[in-house]
Amino acid sequence: PPGSDGGLELLSTVSEQRLPAEFLPAIREGLAQGLGGV
């Protein structure tokens, strides 16, 4: 469930060697679309 500020919050515990930060904006965009405003 969302934090007190609401909205979409994306956090990562994955190292840069396993998942480069360059892919995080695409993940955030896809999540926002998939969640449809939730």
PDB file of all heavy atoms in Angstrom:
ATOM      1  N   PRO A   1       0.848  -1.195   0.000  1.00  0.00           N
ATOM      2  CA  PRO A   1       0.000   0.000   0.000  1.00  0.00           C
ATOM      3  C   PRO A   1       0.887   1.250   0.000  1.00  0.00           C
ATOM      4  O   PRO A   1       2.033   1.204   0.479  1.00  0.00           O
ATOM      5  CB  PRO A   1      -0.797  -0.135   1.301  1.00  0.00           C
ATOM      6  CG  PRO A   1      -0.842  -1.617   1.538  1.00  0.00           C
ATOM      7  CD  PRO A   1       0.507  -2.119   1.078  1.00  0.00           C
ATOM      8  N   PRO A   2       0.385   2.351  -0.524  1.00  0.00           N
ATOM      9  CA  PRO A   2       1.218   3.551  -0.659  1.00  0.00           C
ATOM     10  C   PRO A   2       1.566   4.174   0.686  1.00  0.00           C
ATOM     11  O   PRO A   2       0.880   3.952   1.687  1.00  0.00           O
ATOM     12  CB  PRO A   2       0.341   4.498  -1.484  1.00  0.00           C
ATOM     13  CG  PRO A   2      -1.046   4.059  -1.176  1.00  0.00           C
ATOM     14  CD  PRO A   2      -0.977   2.574  -0.996  1.00  0.00           C
ATOM     15  N   GLY A   3       2.621   4.967   0.664  1.00  0.00           N
ATOM     16  CA  GLY A   3       3.009   5.725   1.844  1.00  0.00           C
ATOM     17  C   GLY A   3       2.055   6.893   2.068  1.00  0.00           C
ATOM     18  O   GLY A   3       1.060   7.055   1.352  1.00  0.00           O
ATOM     19  N   SER A   4       2.370   7.717   3.027  1.00  0.00           N
ATOM     20  CA  SER A   4       1.479   8.820   3.408  1.00  0.00           C
ATOM     21  C   SER A   4       1.291   9.855   2.299  1.00  0.00           C
ATOM     22  O   SER A   4       0.256  10.508   2.237  1.00  0.00           O
ATOM     23  CB  SER A   4       2.006   9.504   4.662  1.00  0.00           C
ATOM     24  OG  SER A   4       3.310  10.000   4.430  1.00  0.00           O
ATOM     25  N   ASP A   5       2.276   9.991   1.405  1.00  0.00           N
ATOM     26  CA  ASP A   5       2.140  10.983   0.335  1.00  0.00           C
ATOM     27  C   ASP A   5       1.371  10.450  -0.871  1.00  0.00           C
ATOM     28  O   ASP A   5       1.071  11.193  -1.796  1.00  0.00           O
ATOM     29  CB  ASP A   5       3.511  11.498  -0.093  1.00  0.00           C
ATOM     30  CG  ASP A   5       4.423  10.412  -0.638  1.00  0.00           C
ATOM     31  OD1 ASP A   5       4.149   9.225  -0.384  1.00  0.00           O
ATOM     32  OD2 ASP A   5       5.403  10.747  -1.311  1.00  0.00           O
ATOM     33  N   GLY A   6       1.041   9.153  -0.882  1.00  0.00           N
ATOM     34  CA  GLY A   6       0.291   8.569  -2.002  1.00  0.00           C
ATOM     35  C   GLY A   6       1.146   8.500  -3.251  1.00  0.00           C
ATOM     36  O   GLY A   6       2.349   8.654  -3.211  1.00  0.00           O
ATOM     37  N   GLY A   7       0.516   8.271  -4.366  1.00  0.00           N
ATOM     38  CA  GLY A   7       1.248   8.190  -5.629  1.00  0.00           C
ATOM     39  C   GLY A   7       2.018   6.895  -5.772  1.00  0.00           C
ATOM     40  O   GLY A   7       1.892   5.969  -4.977  1.00  0.00           O
ATOM     41  N   LEU A   8       2.840   6.831  -6.801  1.00  0.00           N
ATOM     42  CA  LEU A   8       3.666   5.665  -7.076  1.00  0.00           C
ATOM     43  C   LEU A   8       5.062   5.913  -6.530  1.00  0.00           C
ATOM     44  O   LEU A   8       5.708   6.900  -6.880  1.00  0.00           O
ATOM     45  CB  LEU A   8       3.736   5.394  -8.588  1.00  0.00           C
ATOM     46  CG  LEU A   8       4.698   4.308  -9.049  1.00  0.00           C
ATOM     47  CD1 LEU A   8       4.314   2.949  -8.454  1.00  0.00           C
ATOM     48  CD2 LEU A   8       4.722   4.230 -10.561  1.00  0.00           C
ATOM     49  N   GLU A   9       5.503   5.028  -5.668  1.00  0.00           N
ATOM     50  CA  GLU A   9       6.853   5.109  -5.121  1.00  0.00           C
ATOM     51  C   GLU A   9       7.614   3.866  -5.591  1.00  0.00           C
ATOM     52  O   GLU A   9       7.153   2.744  -5.395  1.00  0.00           O
ATOM     53  CB  GLU A   9       6.795   5.151  -3.601  1.00  0.00           C
ATOM     54  CG  GLU A   9       8.145   5.267  -2.953  1.00  0.00           C
ATOM     55  CD  GLU A   9       8.062   5.333  -1.438  1.00  0.00           C
ATOM     56  OE1 GLU A   9       7.057   4.888  -0.864  1.00  0.00           O
ATOM     57  OE2 GLU A   9       9.021   5.831  -0.836  1.00  0.00           O
ATOM     58  N   LEU A  10       8.762   4.062  -6.230  1.00  0.00           N
ATOM     59  CA  LEU A  10       9.582   2.964  -6.731  1.00  0.00           C
ATOM     60  C   LEU A  10      10.919   2.979  -6.002  1.00  0.00           C
ATOM     61  O   LEU A  10      11.651   3.967  -6.059  1.00  0.00           O
ATOM     62  CB  LEU A  10       9.805   3.084  -8.238  1.00  0.00           C
ATOM     63  CG  LEU A  10      10.702   2.027  -8.883  1.00  0.00           C
ATOM     64  CD1 LEU A  10      10.125   0.625  -8.703  1.00  0.00           C
ATOM     65  CD2 LEU A  10      10.913   2.339 -10.355  1.00  0.00           C
ATOM     66  N   LEU A  11      11.205   1.885  -5.303  1.00  0.00           N
ATOM     67  CA  LEU A  11      12.472   1.724  -4.591  1.00  0.00           C
ATOM     68  C   LEU A  11      13.153   0.467  -5.119  1.00  0.00           C
ATOM     69  O   LEU A  11      12.484  -0.447  -5.596  1.00  0.00           O
ATOM     70  CB  LEU A  11      12.224   1.586  -3.087  1.00  0.00           C
ATOM     71  CG  LEU A  11      11.455   2.721  -2.428  1.00  0.00           C
ATOM     72  CD1 LEU A  11      11.033   2.331  -1.027  1.00  0.00           C
ATOM     73  CD2 LEU A  11      12.291   3.977  -2.404  1.00  0.00           C
ATOM     74  N   SER A  12      14.477   0.420  -4.989  1.00  0.00           N
ATOM     75  CA  SER A  12      15.206  -0.746  -5.491  1.00  0.00           C
ATOM     76  C   SER A  12      16.302  -1.149  -4.518  1.00  0.00           C
ATOM     77  O   SER A  12      17.044  -0.300  -4.026  1.00  0.00           O
ATOM     78  CB  SER A  12      15.820  -0.441  -6.855  1.00  0.00           C
ATOM     79  OG  SER A  12      16.568  -1.555  -7.307  1.00  0.00           O
ATOM     80  N   THR A  13      16.392  -2.461  -4.247  1.00  0.00           N
ATOM     81  CA  THR A  13      17.498  -3.007  -3.472  1.00  0.00           C
ATOM     82  C   THR A  13      18.458  -3.758  -4.390  1.00  0.00           C
ATOM     83  O   THR A  13      19.383  -4.395  -3.913  1.00  0.00           O
ATOM     84  CB  THR A  13      16.984  -3.983  -2.388  1.00  0.00           C
ATOM     85  OG1 THR A  13      16.320  -5.072  -3.028  1.00  0.00           O
ATOM     86  CG2 THR A  13      16.045  -3.297  -1.425  1.00  0.00           C
ATOM     87  N   VAL A  14      18.240  -3.663  -5.683  1.00  0.00           N
ATOM     88  CA  VAL A  14      19.021  -4.408  -6.673  1.00  0.00           C
ATOM     89  C   VAL A  14      20.274  -3.612  -7.042  1.00  0.00           C
ATOM     90  O   VAL A  14      20.200  -2.408  -7.296  1.00  0.00           O
ATOM     91  CB  VAL A  14      18.179  -4.689  -7.936  1.00  0.00           C
ATOM     92  CG1 VAL A  14      18.938  -5.557  -8.916  1.00  0.00           C
ATOM     93  CG2 VAL A  14      16.850  -5.322  -7.561  1.00  0.00           C
ATOM     94  N   SER A  15      21.405  -4.291  -7.084  1.00  0.00           N
ATOM     95  CA  SER A  15      22.657  -3.612  -7.425  1.00  0.00           C
ATOM     96  C   SER A  15      22.648  -3.174  -8.888  1.00  0.00           C
ATOM     97  O   SER A  15      21.968  -3.764  -9.731  1.00  0.00           O
ATOM     98  CB  SER A  15      23.854  -4.534  -7.158  1.00  0.00           C
ATOM     99  OG  SER A  15      23.887  -5.577  -8.113  1.00  0.00           O
ATOM    100  N   GLU A  16      23.446  -2.177  -9.157  1.00  0.00           N
ATOM    101  CA  GLU A  16      23.593  -1.637 -10.511  1.00  0.00           C
ATOM    102  C   GLU A  16      24.132  -2.702 -11.481  1.00  0.00           C
ATOM    103  O   GLU A  16      23.808  -2.688 -12.662  1.00  0.00           O
ATOM    104  CB  GLU A  16      24.543  -0.433 -10.464  1.00  0.00           C
ATOM    105  CG  GLU A  16      24.805   0.223 -11.784  1.00  0.00           C
ATOM    106  CD  GLU A  16      23.787   1.272 -12.172  1.00  0.00           C
ATOM    107  OE1 GLU A  16      22.962   1.672 -11.356  1.00  0.00           O
ATOM    108  OE2 GLU A  16      23.829   1.688 -13.346  1.00  0.00           O
ATOM    109  N   GLN A  17      24.913  -3.654 -10.967  1.00  0.00           N
ATOM    110  CA  GLN A  17      25.457  -4.713 -11.814  1.00  0.00           C
ATOM    111  C   GLN A  17      24.360  -5.677 -12.272  1.00  0.00           C
ATOM    112  O   GLN A  17      24.471  -6.284 -13.328  1.00  0.00           O
ATOM    113  CB  GLN A  17      26.549  -5.511 -11.077  1.00  0.00           C
ATOM    114  CG  GLN A  17      27.827  -4.748 -10.855  1.00  0.00           C
ATOM    115  CD  GLN A  17      27.737  -3.806  -9.652  1.00  0.00           C
ATOM    116  OE1 GLN A  17      26.870  -3.948  -8.804  1.00  0.00           O
ATOM    117  NE2 GLN A  17      28.626  -2.831  -9.606  1.00  0.00           N
ATOM    118  N   ARG A  18      23.316  -5.848 -11.480  1.00  0.00           N
ATOM    119  CA  ARG A  18      22.229  -6.768 -11.832  1.00  0.00           C
ATOM    120  C   ARG A  18      21.116  -6.063 -12.607  1.00  0.00           C
ATOM    121  O   ARG A  18      20.459  -6.686 -13.435  1.00  0.00           O
ATOM    122  CB  ARG A  18      21.658  -7.426 -10.578  1.00  0.00           C
ATOM    123  CG  ARG A  18      22.649  -8.404  -9.964  1.00  0.00           C
ATOM    124  CD  ARG A  18      22.044  -9.272  -8.894  1.00  0.00           C
ATOM    125  NE  ARG A  18      20.934 -10.080  -9.315  1.00  0.00           N
ATOM    126  CZ  ARG A  18      21.025 -11.254  -9.936  1.00  0.00           C
ATOM    127  NH1 ARG A  18      22.211 -11.724 -10.256  1.00  0.00           N
ATOM    128  NH2 ARG A  18      19.949 -11.948 -10.239  1.00  0.00           N
ATOM    129  N   LEU A  19      20.883  -4.785 -12.310  1.00  0.00           N
ATOM    130  CA  LEU A  19      19.831  -4.030 -12.995  1.00  0.00           C
ATOM    131  C   LEU A  19      20.263  -2.567 -13.085  1.00  0.00           C
ATOM    132  O   LEU A  19      20.111  -1.801 -12.127  1.00  0.00           O
ATOM    133  CB  LEU A  19      18.499  -4.147 -12.242  1.00  0.00           C
ATOM    134  CG  LEU A  19      17.297  -3.473 -12.896  1.00  0.00           C
ATOM    135  CD1 LEU A  19      16.984  -4.112 -14.250  1.00  0.00           C
ATOM    136  CD2 LEU A  19      16.084  -3.576 -11.991  1.00  0.00           C
ATOM    137  N   PRO A  20      20.833  -2.165 -14.219  1.00  0.00           N
ATOM    138  CA  PRO A  20      21.316  -0.790 -14.369  1.00  0.00           C
ATOM    139  C   PRO A  20      20.201   0.242 -14.182  1.00  0.00           C
ATOM    140  O   PRO A  20      19.055   0.029 -14.584  1.00  0.00           O
ATOM    141  CB  PRO A  20      21.857  -0.748 -15.799  1.00  0.00           C
ATOM    142  CG  PRO A  20      22.184  -2.173 -16.114  1.00  0.00           C
ATOM    143  CD  PRO A  20      21.142  -2.982 -15.391  1.00  0.00           C
ATOM    144  N   ALA A  21      20.565   1.359 -13.589  1.00  0.00           N
ATOM    145  CA  ALA A  21      19.611   2.430 -13.304  1.00  0.00           C
ATOM    146  C   ALA A  21      18.958   2.972 -14.579  1.00  0.00           C
ATOM    147  O   ALA A  21      17.865   3.541 -14.512  1.00  0.00           O
ATOM    148  CB  ALA A  21      20.298   3.560 -12.536  1.00  0.00           C
ATOM    149  N   GLU A  22      19.571   2.783 -15.728  1.00  0.00           N
ATOM    150  CA  GLU A  22      19.002   3.289 -16.984  1.00  0.00           C
ATOM    151  C   GLU A  22      17.631   2.673 -17.290  1.00  0.00           C
ATOM    152  O   GLU A  22      16.850   3.241 -18.046  1.00  0.00           O
ATOM    153  CB  GLU A  22      19.947   3.048 -18.152  1.00  0.00           C
ATOM    154  CG  GLU A  22      20.083   1.583 -18.535  1.00  0.00           C
ATOM    155  CD  GLU A  22      21.120   1.328 -19.600  1.00  0.00           C
ATOM    156  OE1 GLU A  22      22.313   1.280 -19.250  1.00  0.00           O
ATOM    157  OE2 GLU A  22      20.736   1.178 -20.774  1.00  0.00           O
ATOM    158  N   PHE A  23      17.329   1.495 -16.694  1.00  0.00           N
ATOM    159  CA  PHE A  23      16.042   0.849 -16.944  1.00  0.00           C
ATOM    160  C   PHE A  23      14.951   1.270 -15.952  1.00  0.00           C
ATOM    161  O   PHE A  23      13.779   0.971 -16.164  1.00  0.00           O
ATOM    162  CB  PHE A  23      16.194  -0.670 -16.938  1.00  0.00           C
ATOM    163  CG  PHE A  23      17.073  -1.181 -18.043  1.00  0.00           C
ATOM    164  CD1 PHE A  23      18.253  -1.840 -17.758  1.00  0.00           C
ATOM    165  CD2 PHE A  23      16.737  -0.980 -19.375  1.00  0.00           C
ATOM    166  CE1 PHE A  23      19.081  -2.302 -18.768  1.00  0.00           C
ATOM    167  CE2 PHE A  23      17.552  -1.430 -20.399  1.00  0.00           C
ATOM    168  CZ  PHE A  23      18.727  -2.103 -20.096  1.00  0.00           C
ATOM    169  N   LEU A  24      15.320   1.955 -14.879  1.00  0.00           N
ATOM    170  CA  LEU A  24      14.333   2.330 -13.857  1.00  0.00           C
ATOM    171  C   LEU A  24      13.246   3.281 -14.376  1.00  0.00           C
ATOM    172  O   LEU A  24      12.074   3.107 -14.020  1.00  0.00           O
ATOM    173  CB  LEU A  24      15.027   2.901 -12.626  1.00  0.00           C
ATOM    174  CG  LEU A  24      15.914   1.900 -11.864  1.00  0.00           C
ATOM    175  CD1 LEU A  24      16.572   2.580 -10.666  1.00  0.00           C
ATOM    176  CD2 LEU A  24      15.133   0.678 -11.437  1.00  0.00           C
ATOM    177  N   PRO A  25      13.573   4.278 -15.216  1.00  0.00           N
ATOM    178  CA  PRO A  25      12.488   5.118 -15.744  1.00  0.00           C
ATOM    179  C   PRO A  25      11.458   4.323 -16.554  1.00  0.00           C
ATOM    180  O   PRO A  25      10.253   4.579 -16.456  1.00  0.00           O
ATOM    181  CB  PRO A  25      13.207   6.152 -16.617  1.00  0.00           C
ATOM    182  CG  PRO A  25      14.578   6.228 -16.037  1.00  0.00           C
ATOM    183  CD  PRO A  25      14.888   4.818 -15.579  1.00  0.00           C
ATOM    184  N   ALA A  26      11.906   3.346 -17.336  1.00  0.00           N
ATOM    185  CA  ALA A  26      10.976   2.519 -18.111  1.00  0.00           C
ATOM    186  C   ALA A  26      10.116   1.668 -17.184  1.00  0.00           C
ATOM    187  O   ALA A  26       8.911   1.491 -17.420  1.00  0.00           O
ATOM    188  CB  ALA A  26      11.740   1.626 -19.089  1.00  0.00           C
ATOM    189  N   ILE A  27      10.721   1.154 -16.112  1.00  0.00           N
ATOM    190  CA  ILE A  27       9.956   0.376 -15.136  1.00  0.00           C
ATOM    191  C   ILE A  27       8.910   1.261 -14.470  1.00  0.00           C
ATOM    192  O   ILE A  27       7.744   0.878 -14.343  1.00  0.00           O
ATOM    193  CB  ILE A  27      10.898  -0.276 -14.101  1.00  0.00           C
ATOM    194  CG1 ILE A  27      11.739  -1.362 -14.777  1.00  0.00           C
ATOM    195  CG2 ILE A  27      10.102  -0.858 -12.932  1.00  0.00           C
ATOM    196  CD1 ILE A  27      12.827  -1.958 -13.896  1.00  0.00           C
ATOM    197  N   ARG A  28       9.296   2.454 -14.061  1.00  0.00           N
ATOM    198  CA  ARG A  28       8.347   3.385 -13.426  1.00  0.00           C
ATOM    199  C   ARG A  28       7.195   3.714 -14.385  1.00  0.00           C
ATOM    200  O   ARG A  28       6.033   3.702 -13.992  1.00  0.00           O
ATOM    201  CB  ARG A  28       9.047   4.667 -12.998  1.00  0.00           C
ATOM    202  CG  ARG A  28       8.089   5.721 -12.453  1.00  0.00           C
ATOM    203  CD  ARG A  28       8.804   6.992 -12.036  1.00  0.00           C
ATOM    204  NE  ARG A  28       9.550   6.825 -10.824  1.00  0.00           N
ATOM    205  CZ  ARG A  28       9.011   6.795  -9.609  1.00  0.00           C
ATOM    206  NH1 ARG A  28       7.712   6.935  -9.466  1.00  0.00           N
ATOM    207  NH2 ARG A  28       9.755   6.645  -8.534  1.00  0.00           N
ATOM    208  N   GLU A  29       7.513   3.986 -15.629  1.00  0.00           N
ATOM    209  CA  GLU A  29       6.485   4.313 -16.622  1.00  0.00           C
ATOM    210  C   GLU A  29       5.517   3.142 -16.821  1.00  0.00           C
ATOM    211  O   GLU A  29       4.301   3.321 -16.859  1.00  0.00           O
ATOM    212  CB  GLU A  29       7.161   4.674 -17.945  1.00  0.00           C
ATOM    213  CG  GLU A  29       6.205   5.129 -19.017  1.00  0.00           C
ATOM    214  CD  GLU A  29       6.938   5.457 -20.309  1.00  0.00           C
ATOM    215  OE1 GLU A  29       8.024   6.061 -20.250  1.00  0.00           O
ATOM    216  OE2 GLU A  29       6.415   5.089 -21.382  1.00  0.00           O
ATOM    217  N   GLY A  30       6.059   1.925 -16.943  1.00  0.00           N
ATOM    218  CA  GLY A  30       5.218   0.747 -17.112  1.00  0.00           C
ATOM    219  C   GLY A  30       4.346   0.487 -15.894  1.00  0.00           C
ATOM    220  O   GLY A  30       3.169   0.146 -16.021  1.00  0.00           O
ATOM    221  N   LEU A  31       4.911   0.656 -14.697  1.00  0.00           N
ATOM    222  CA  LEU A  31       4.126   0.465 -13.470  1.00  0.00           C
ATOM    223  C   LEU A  31       2.972   1.454 -13.408  1.00  0.00           C
ATOM    224  O   LEU A  31       1.841   1.077 -13.080  1.00  0.00           O
ATOM    225  CB  LEU A  31       5.020   0.626 -12.235  1.00  0.00           C
ATOM    226  CG  LEU A  31       6.001  -0.504 -11.956  1.00  0.00           C
ATOM    227  CD1 LEU A  31       6.982  -0.096 -10.860  1.00  0.00           C
ATOM    228  CD2 LEU A  31       5.261  -1.785 -11.580  1.00  0.00           C
ATOM    229  N   ALA A  32       3.251   2.718 -13.710  1.00  0.00           N
ATOM    230  CA  ALA A  32       2.195   3.736 -13.674  1.00  0.00           C
ATOM    231  C   ALA A  32       1.072   3.377 -14.635  1.00  0.00           C
ATOM    232  O   ALA A  32      -0.112   3.503 -14.298  1.00  0.00           O
ATOM    233  CB  ALA A  32       2.778   5.109 -14.005  1.00  0.00           C
ATOM    234  N   GLN A  33       1.422   2.919 -15.811  1.00  0.00           N
ATOM    235  CA  GLN A  33       0.407   2.541 -16.788  1.00  0.00           C
ATOM    236  C   GLN A  33      -0.365   1.305 -16.326  1.00  0.00           C
ATOM    237  O   GLN A  33      -1.585   1.243 -16.424  1.00  0.00           O
ATOM    238  CB  GLN A  33       1.050   2.284 -18.151  1.00  0.00           C
ATOM    239  CG  GLN A  33       0.050   2.123 -19.255  1.00  0.00           C
ATOM    240  CD  GLN A  33       0.722   2.124 -20.614  1.00  0.00           C
ATOM    241  OE1 GLN A  33       1.927   2.261 -20.746  1.00  0.00           O
ATOM    242  NE2 GLN A  33      -0.082   1.978 -21.649  1.00  0.00           N
ATOM    243  N   GLY A  34       0.337   0.299 -15.809  1.00  0.00           N
ATOM    244  CA  GLY A  34      -0.310  -0.930 -15.370  1.00  0.00           C
ATOM    245  C   GLY A  34      -1.201  -0.740 -14.158  1.00  0.00           C
ATOM    246  O   GLY A  34      -2.249  -1.380 -14.039  1.00  0.00           O
ATOM    247  N   LEU A  35      -0.797   0.137 -13.248  1.00  0.00           N
ATOM    248  CA  LEU A  35      -1.596   0.389 -12.047  1.00  0.00           C
ATOM    249  C   LEU A  35      -2.799   1.278 -12.337  1.00  0.00           C
ATOM    250  O   LEU A  35      -3.723   1.340 -11.532  1.00  0.00           O
ATOM    251  CB  LEU A  35      -0.722   1.001 -10.946  1.00  0.00           C
ATOM    252  CG  LEU A  35       0.284   0.045 -10.307  1.00  0.00           C
ATOM    253  CD1 LEU A  35       1.289   0.805  -9.459  1.00  0.00           C
ATOM    254  CD2 LEU A  35      -0.431  -1.012  -9.486  1.00  0.00           C
ATOM    255  N   GLY A  36      -2.791   1.964 -13.459  1.00  0.00           N
ATOM    256  CA  GLY A  36      -3.944   2.747 -13.887  1.00  0.00           C
ATOM    257  C   GLY A  36      -4.463   3.753 -12.874  1.00  0.00           C
ATOM    258  O   GLY A  36      -5.663   3.852 -12.655  1.00  0.00           O
ATOM    259  N   GLY A  37      -3.578   4.479 -12.218  1.00  0.00           N
ATOM    260  CA  GLY A  37      -4.006   5.497 -11.271  1.00  0.00           C
ATOM    261  C   GLY A  37      -4.096   5.015  -9.831  1.00  0.00           C
ATOM    262  O   GLY A  37      -4.345   5.808  -8.933  1.00  0.00           O
ATOM    263  N   VAL A  38      -3.890   3.735  -9.589  1.00  0.00           N
ATOM    264  CA  VAL A  38      -3.869   3.212  -8.217  1.00  0.00           C
ATOM    265  C   VAL A  38      -2.468   3.462  -7.658  1.00  0.00           C
ATOM    266  O   VAL A  38      -1.475   3.125  -8.286  1.00  0.00           O
ATOM    267  CB  VAL A  38      -4.206   1.701  -8.192  1.00  0.00           C
ATOM    268  CG1 VAL A  38      -4.031   1.117  -6.792  1.00  0.00           C
ATOM    269  CG2 VAL A  38      -5.617   1.469  -8.699  1.00  0.00           C
TER     270      VAL A  38
END
